[in-house]
Amino acid sequence: MAETGYCVKCKTKKEMKDTEKVTMKNKRQAMKGKCVTCGTGMYKIMK
């Protein structure tokens, strides 16, 4: 399943590649990945 997130460089919602689940400092879960178009780092905060 490909996760989608907002790319600030492309200014659109894109799919993320090389995704991994991470825990942020405030103990919230997030998906970390890279934009398939430009390679910018992206995050998506999970519920």
PDB file of N, CA and C in Angstrom:
ATOM      1  N   MET A   1       0.832  -1.181   0.000  1.00  0.00           N
ATOM      2  CA  MET A   1       0.000   0.000   0.000  1.00  0.00           C
ATOM      3  C   MET A   1       0.874   1.240   0.000  1.00  0.00           C
ATOM      4  N   ALA A   2       0.679   2.092  -0.964  1.00  0.00           N
ATOM      5  CA  ALA A   2       1.474   3.314  -1.063  1.00  0.00           C
ATOM      6  C   ALA A   2       0.804   4.417  -0.254  1.00  0.00           C
ATOM      7  N   GLU A   3       1.566   5.015   0.626  1.00  0.00           N
ATOM      8  CA  GLU A   3       1.062   6.133   1.428  1.00  0.00           C
ATOM      9  C   GLU A   3       1.164   7.418   0.623  1.00  0.00           C
ATOM     10  N   THR A   4       0.240   8.328   0.847  1.00  0.00           N
ATOM     11  CA  THR A   4       0.300   9.625   0.191  1.00  0.00           C
ATOM     12  C   THR A   4       0.499  10.703   1.246  1.00  0.00           C
ATOM     13  N   GLY A   5       1.132  11.782   0.857  1.00  0.00           N
ATOM     14  CA  GLY A   5       1.363  12.916   1.734  1.00  0.00           C
ATOM     15  C   GLY A   5       1.511  14.171   0.906  1.00  0.00           C
ATOM     16  N   TYR A   6       1.638  15.312   1.576  1.00  0.00           N
ATOM     17  CA  TYR A   6       1.752  16.587   0.881  1.00  0.00           C
ATOM     18  C   TYR A   6       3.223  16.939   0.692  1.00  0.00           C
ATOM     19  N   CYS A   7       3.632  17.189  -0.528  1.00  0.00           N
ATOM     20  CA  CYS A   7       5.000  17.598  -0.834  1.00  0.00           C
ATOM     21  C   CYS A   7       5.040  19.125  -0.890  1.00  0.00           C
ATOM     22  N   VAL A   8       5.851  19.742  -0.044  1.00  0.00           N
ATOM     23  CA  VAL A   8       5.915  21.203  -0.007  1.00  0.00           C
ATOM     24  C   VAL A   8       6.666  21.770  -1.206  1.00  0.00           C
ATOM     25  N   LYS A   9       7.522  20.988  -1.818  1.00  0.00           N
ATOM     26  CA  LYS A   9       8.255  21.462  -2.987  1.00  0.00           C
ATOM     27  C   LYS A   9       7.376  21.424  -4.244  1.00  0.00           C
ATOM     28  N   CYS A  10       6.633  20.340  -4.430  1.00  0.00           N
ATOM     29  CA  CYS A  10       5.739  20.204  -5.588  1.00  0.00           C
ATOM     30  C   CYS A  10       4.393  20.905  -5.354  1.00  0.00           C
ATOM     31  N   LYS A  11       4.066  21.184  -4.101  1.00  0.00           N
ATOM     32  CA  LYS A  11       2.805  21.824  -3.697  1.00  0.00           C
ATOM     33  C   LYS A  11       1.573  21.009  -4.083  1.00  0.00           C
ATOM     34  N   THR A  12       1.685  19.679  -4.041  1.00  0.00           N
ATOM     35  CA  THR A  12       0.555  18.796  -4.322  1.00  0.00           C
ATOM     36  C   THR A  12       0.662  17.554  -3.441  1.00  0.00           C
ATOM     37  N   LYS A  13      -0.420  16.778  -3.401  1.00  0.00           N
ATOM     38  CA  LYS A  13      -0.395  15.492  -2.722  1.00  0.00           C
ATOM     39  C   LYS A  13       0.266  14.480  -3.644  1.00  0.00           C
ATOM     40  N   LYS A  14       1.239  13.762  -3.126  1.00  0.00           N
ATOM     41  CA  LYS A  14       1.979  12.778  -3.926  1.00  0.00           C
ATOM     42  C   LYS A  14       2.129  11.490  -3.138  1.00  0.00           C
ATOM     43  N   GLU A  15       2.489  10.423  -3.841  1.00  0.00           N
ATOM     44  CA  GLU A  15       2.830   9.167  -3.180  1.00  0.00           C
ATOM     45  C   GLU A  15       4.226   9.277  -2.593  1.00  0.00           C
ATOM     46  N   MET A  16       4.462   8.524  -1.520  1.00  0.00           N
ATOM     47  CA  MET A  16       5.785   8.497  -0.890  1.00  0.00           C
ATOM     48  C   MET A  16       6.461   7.173  -1.207  1.00  0.00           C
ATOM     49  N   LYS A  17       7.773   7.221  -1.423  1.00  0.00           N
ATOM     50  CA  LYS A  17       8.539   5.992  -1.593  1.00  0.00           C
ATOM     51  C   LYS A  17       9.466   5.834  -0.396  1.00  0.00           C
ATOM     52  N   ASP A  18       9.979   4.639  -0.199  1.00  0.00           N
ATOM     53  CA  ASP A  18      10.876   4.321   0.919  1.00  0.00           C
ATOM     54  C   ASP A  18      10.243   4.696   2.258  1.00  0.00           C
ATOM     55  N   THR A  19       8.968   4.324   2.438  1.00  0.00           N
ATOM     56  CA  THR A  19       8.265   4.709   3.665  1.00  0.00           C
ATOM     57  C   THR A  19       8.683   3.838   4.840  1.00  0.00           C
ATOM     58  N   GLU A  20       8.661   4.439   6.018  1.00  0.00           N
ATOM     59  CA  GLU A  20       8.897   3.714   7.263  1.00  0.00           C
ATOM     60  C   GLU A  20       8.090   4.371   8.366  1.00  0.00           C
ATOM     61  N   LYS A  21       7.613   3.556   9.303  1.00  0.00           N
ATOM     62  CA  LYS A  21       6.826   4.058  10.423  1.00  0.00           C
ATOM     63  C   LYS A  21       7.791   4.542  11.504  1.00  0.00           C
ATOM     64  N   VAL A  22       7.581   5.777  11.979  1.00  0.00           N
ATOM     65  CA  VAL A  22       8.442   6.354  13.004  1.00  0.00           C
ATOM     66  C   VAL A  22       7.580   6.906  14.136  1.00  0.00           C
ATOM     67  N   THR A  23       8.200   7.083  15.311  1.00  0.00           N
ATOM     68  CA  THR A  23       7.537   7.711  16.445  1.00  0.00           C
ATOM     69  C   THR A  23       8.202   9.059  16.665  1.00  0.00           C
ATOM     70  N   MET A  24       7.396  10.122  16.668  1.00  0.00           N
ATOM     71  CA  MET A  24       7.941  11.465  16.845  1.00  0.00           C
ATOM     72  C   MET A  24       8.199  11.731  18.329  1.00  0.00           C
ATOM     73  N   LYS A  25       8.818  12.870  18.632  1.00  0.00           N
ATOM     74  CA  LYS A  25       9.161  13.220  20.011  1.00  0.00           C
ATOM     75  C   LYS A  25       7.945  13.279  20.921  1.00  0.00           C
ATOM     76  N   ASN A  26       6.792  13.687  20.369  1.00  0.00           N
ATOM     77  CA  ASN A  26       5.582  13.786  21.178  1.00  0.00           C
ATOM     78  C   ASN A  26       4.817  12.467  21.245  1.00  0.00           C
ATOM     79  N   LYS A  27       5.478  11.362  20.902  1.00  0.00           N
ATOM     80  CA  LYS A  27       4.940   9.997  20.981  1.00  0.00           C
ATOM     81  C   LYS A  27       3.864   9.681  19.951  1.00  0.00           C
ATOM     82  N   ARG A  28       3.693  10.516  18.940  1.00  0.00           N
ATOM     83  CA  ARG A  28       2.723  10.239  17.879  1.00  0.00           C
ATOM     84  C   ARG A  28       3.384   9.439  16.770  1.00  0.00           C
ATOM     85  N   GLN A  29       2.585   8.587  16.127  1.00  0.00           N
ATOM     86  CA  GLN A  29       3.066   7.766  15.023  1.00  0.00           C
ATOM     87  C   GLN A  29       3.011   8.569  13.729  1.00  0.00           C
ATOM     88  N   ALA A  30       3.986   8.363  12.842  1.00  0.00           N
ATOM     89  CA  ALA A  30       4.018   9.044  11.551  1.00  0.00           C
ATOM     90  C   ALA A  30       4.668   8.138  10.522  1.00  0.00           C
ATOM     91  N   MET A  31       4.357   8.402   9.261  1.00  0.00           N
ATOM     92  CA  MET A  31       5.023   7.717   8.161  1.00  0.00           C
ATOM     93  C   MET A  31       6.019   8.695   7.557  1.00  0.00           C
ATOM     94  N   LYS A  32       7.238   8.238   7.371  1.00  0.00           N
ATOM     95  CA  LYS A  32       8.311   9.064   6.820  1.00  0.00           C
ATOM     96  C   LYS A  32       8.690   8.472   5.472  1.00  0.00           C
ATOM     97  N   GLY A  33       8.835   9.339   4.466  1.00  0.00           N
ATOM     98  CA  GLY A  33       9.198   8.851   3.147  1.00  0.00           C
ATOM     99  C   GLY A  33       9.736   9.971   2.280  1.00  0.00           C
ATOM    100  N   LYS A  34       9.841   9.684   0.981  1.00  0.00           N
ATOM    101  CA  LYS A  34      10.341  10.666   0.021  1.00  0.00           C
ATOM    102  C   LYS A  34       9.362  10.800  -1.123  1.00  0.00           C
ATOM    103  N   CYS A  35       9.298  11.999  -1.695  1.00  0.00           N
ATOM    104  CA  CYS A  35       8.436  12.263  -2.857  1.00  0.00           C
ATOM    105  C   CYS A  35       8.975  11.484  -4.057  1.00  0.00           C
ATOM    106  N   VAL A  36       8.065  10.855  -4.800  1.00  0.00           N
ATOM    107  CA  VAL A  36       8.494  10.068  -5.966  1.00  0.00           C
ATOM    108  C   VAL A  36       8.995  10.968  -7.098  1.00  0.00           C
ATOM    109  N   THR A  37       8.557  12.228  -7.139  1.00  0.00           N
ATOM    110  CA  THR A  37       8.944  13.131  -8.214  1.00  0.00           C
ATOM    111  C   THR A  37      10.269  13.838  -7.944  1.00  0.00           C
ATOM    112  N   CYS A  38      10.354  14.523  -6.780  1.00  0.00           N
ATOM    113  CA  CYS A  38      11.526  15.373  -6.535  1.00  0.00           C
ATOM    114  C   CYS A  38      12.453  14.830  -5.441  1.00  0.00           C
ATOM    115  N   GLY A  39      12.033  13.848  -4.659  1.00  0.00           N
ATOM    116  CA  GLY A  39      12.890  13.252  -3.652  1.00  0.00           C
ATOM    117  C   GLY A  39      12.936  14.004  -2.324  1.00  0.00           C
ATOM    118  N   THR A  40      12.077  14.992  -2.139  1.00  0.00           N
ATOM    119  CA  THR A  40      12.018  15.737  -0.895  1.00  0.00           C
ATOM    120  C   THR A  40      11.456  14.863   0.221  1.00  0.00           C
ATOM    121  N   GLY A  41      11.984  15.016   1.434  1.00  0.00           N
ATOM    122  CA  GLY A  41      11.472  14.262   2.584  1.00  0.00           C
ATOM    123  C   GLY A  41      10.063  14.677   2.922  1.00  0.00           C
ATOM    124  N   MET A  42       9.208  13.687   3.215  1.00  0.00           N
ATOM    125  CA  MET A  42       7.800  13.935   3.524  1.00  0.00           C
ATOM    126  C   MET A  42       7.410  13.193   4.791  1.00  0.00           C
ATOM    127  N   TYR A  43       6.455  13.741   5.518  1.00  0.00           N
ATOM    128  CA  TYR A  43       5.892  13.090   6.700  1.00  0.00           C
ATOM    129  C   TYR A  43       4.381  13.071   6.589  1.00  0.00           C
ATOM    130  N   LYS A  44       3.771  12.029   7.127  1.00  0.00           N
ATOM    131  CA  LYS A  44       2.321  11.982   7.263  1.00  0.00           C
ATOM    132  C   LYS A  44       2.030  11.497   8.678  1.00  0.00           C
ATOM    133  N   ILE A  45       1.348  12.330   9.466  1.00  0.00           N
ATOM    134  CA  ILE A  45       1.028  11.987  10.838  1.00  0.00           C
ATOM    135  C   ILE A  45      -0.158  11.005  10.813  1.00  0.00           C
ATOM    136  N   MET A  46      -0.023   9.900  11.520  1.00  0.00           N
ATOM    137  CA  MET A  46      -1.057   8.864  11.552  1.00  0.00           C
ATOM    138  C   MET A  46      -2.030   9.151  12.692  1.00  0.00           C
ATOM    139  N   LYS A  47      -3.241   8.612  12.576  1.00  0.00           N
ATOM    140  CA  LYS A  47      -4.264   8.781  13.619  1.00  0.00           C
ATOM    141  C   LYS A  47      -3.989   7.870  14.775  1.00  0.00           C
TER     142      LYS A  47
END
